[in-house]
Amino acid sequence: MFSSTPREKRRRKIERIAAVTCFLFTMLLVVPVLAILTYLVVRAWPALSLDFILENPQNLMQSGGIWAPLVGTFCLVWLTLAISAPIGILAGIYLNEYARDNWFTRVVSLAVVNLAGVPSIVHALFGFGAFVLTLGMGKSLLAASCTMSVMTLPVIITSTREALAAVPISFRMACWNMGATRWQTIRTIVLPNSMSGILTGVILQISRTAGETAPILFTGVVFYAPVAESGFASILPYSVDQPFMAMSMHLFTLMTQVRGVSEEMQYATAVALVGLILLISGGAIGLRTWLRNHRRW
């Protein structure tokens, strides 16, 4: 009486096939990543140590560590996010919550989409002309961060708009019926319930900021700039008007410009760059998870 019909059995079989197929395609993404990371760690293991992390490059970069480029990359990432995140989030709020559907907003949306597809070398030339030359910033941490901010804005704006649009309109109407203003509704209801989605766009840009080479090569990064290995100066060694070292450029330099560098040191530098990206992204993902668990719907 309660046995499955042939149609129901066929449907369950199709569901199992679909689940297995999706799992296999997921493994096609995960397994190569794990294989690459394992290969890098194995090749870099002889050179990985605490001294390698905390020492400056020495002997024309043939020995020593990666402290100077590591700190420079960390400063670049956070200064870029400090510039691009507020601008991108506020722009997304305006386009989704305030702007009307007219020719101006459509032009802005088209510009954002096109900006996301511009190659990084074009952003580098723009940053060099706009920030280094026109605004007189020179080759500096600030000029490089402004250039990277222009690159990261499209994704942050797009993710912000999508996260805000995902909040049910009934939430807004309930607030408006209680007499709340539009900004009060956005600040107290919409933003708290969409922050996890907004952080998704921010997280996506962390790895891009840390891994880009061309934009910072034109606007602020230098071949060598040692920093203090202890004290406060080792934590914030670069001022915004000074050139700096970065991990991506340092790795490129070790691979192509410096002779006598061991392969272990090159692989260790790559592992450190991946580790920095995972550390910053992991913290952002943890914050996003916490916010998602405290969401009101």
Foldseek 3Di string as FASTA:
>chain_A
DPDDDPVVVVVVVVVVVVVVVVVVVVCVVVVVVVVVLVVLCVLQVVPDDPQQQLWFQDPLNQDTHCLFQVLLLVLLLVLLCVPQQVVLLVLLCCLQQPDDPDPVSVVVLVVLVVLQPDDLLVLQVVLLCVPQPVVVLNQFSQSLSVSLSSNLNSLLSVLNNVLLVPPDVVQVVVCVVVVDDSVVSCVPARCLQRVLSSLVSSLVSSLVSQQDDNNSVNRAEDQDDDWDSDDPCSNVVGDGSHGGHHLNVNLVCVVPPDPNHDSSNSSNSVSVSVVVSCVVSVVSNVVSVVSNVPRPD
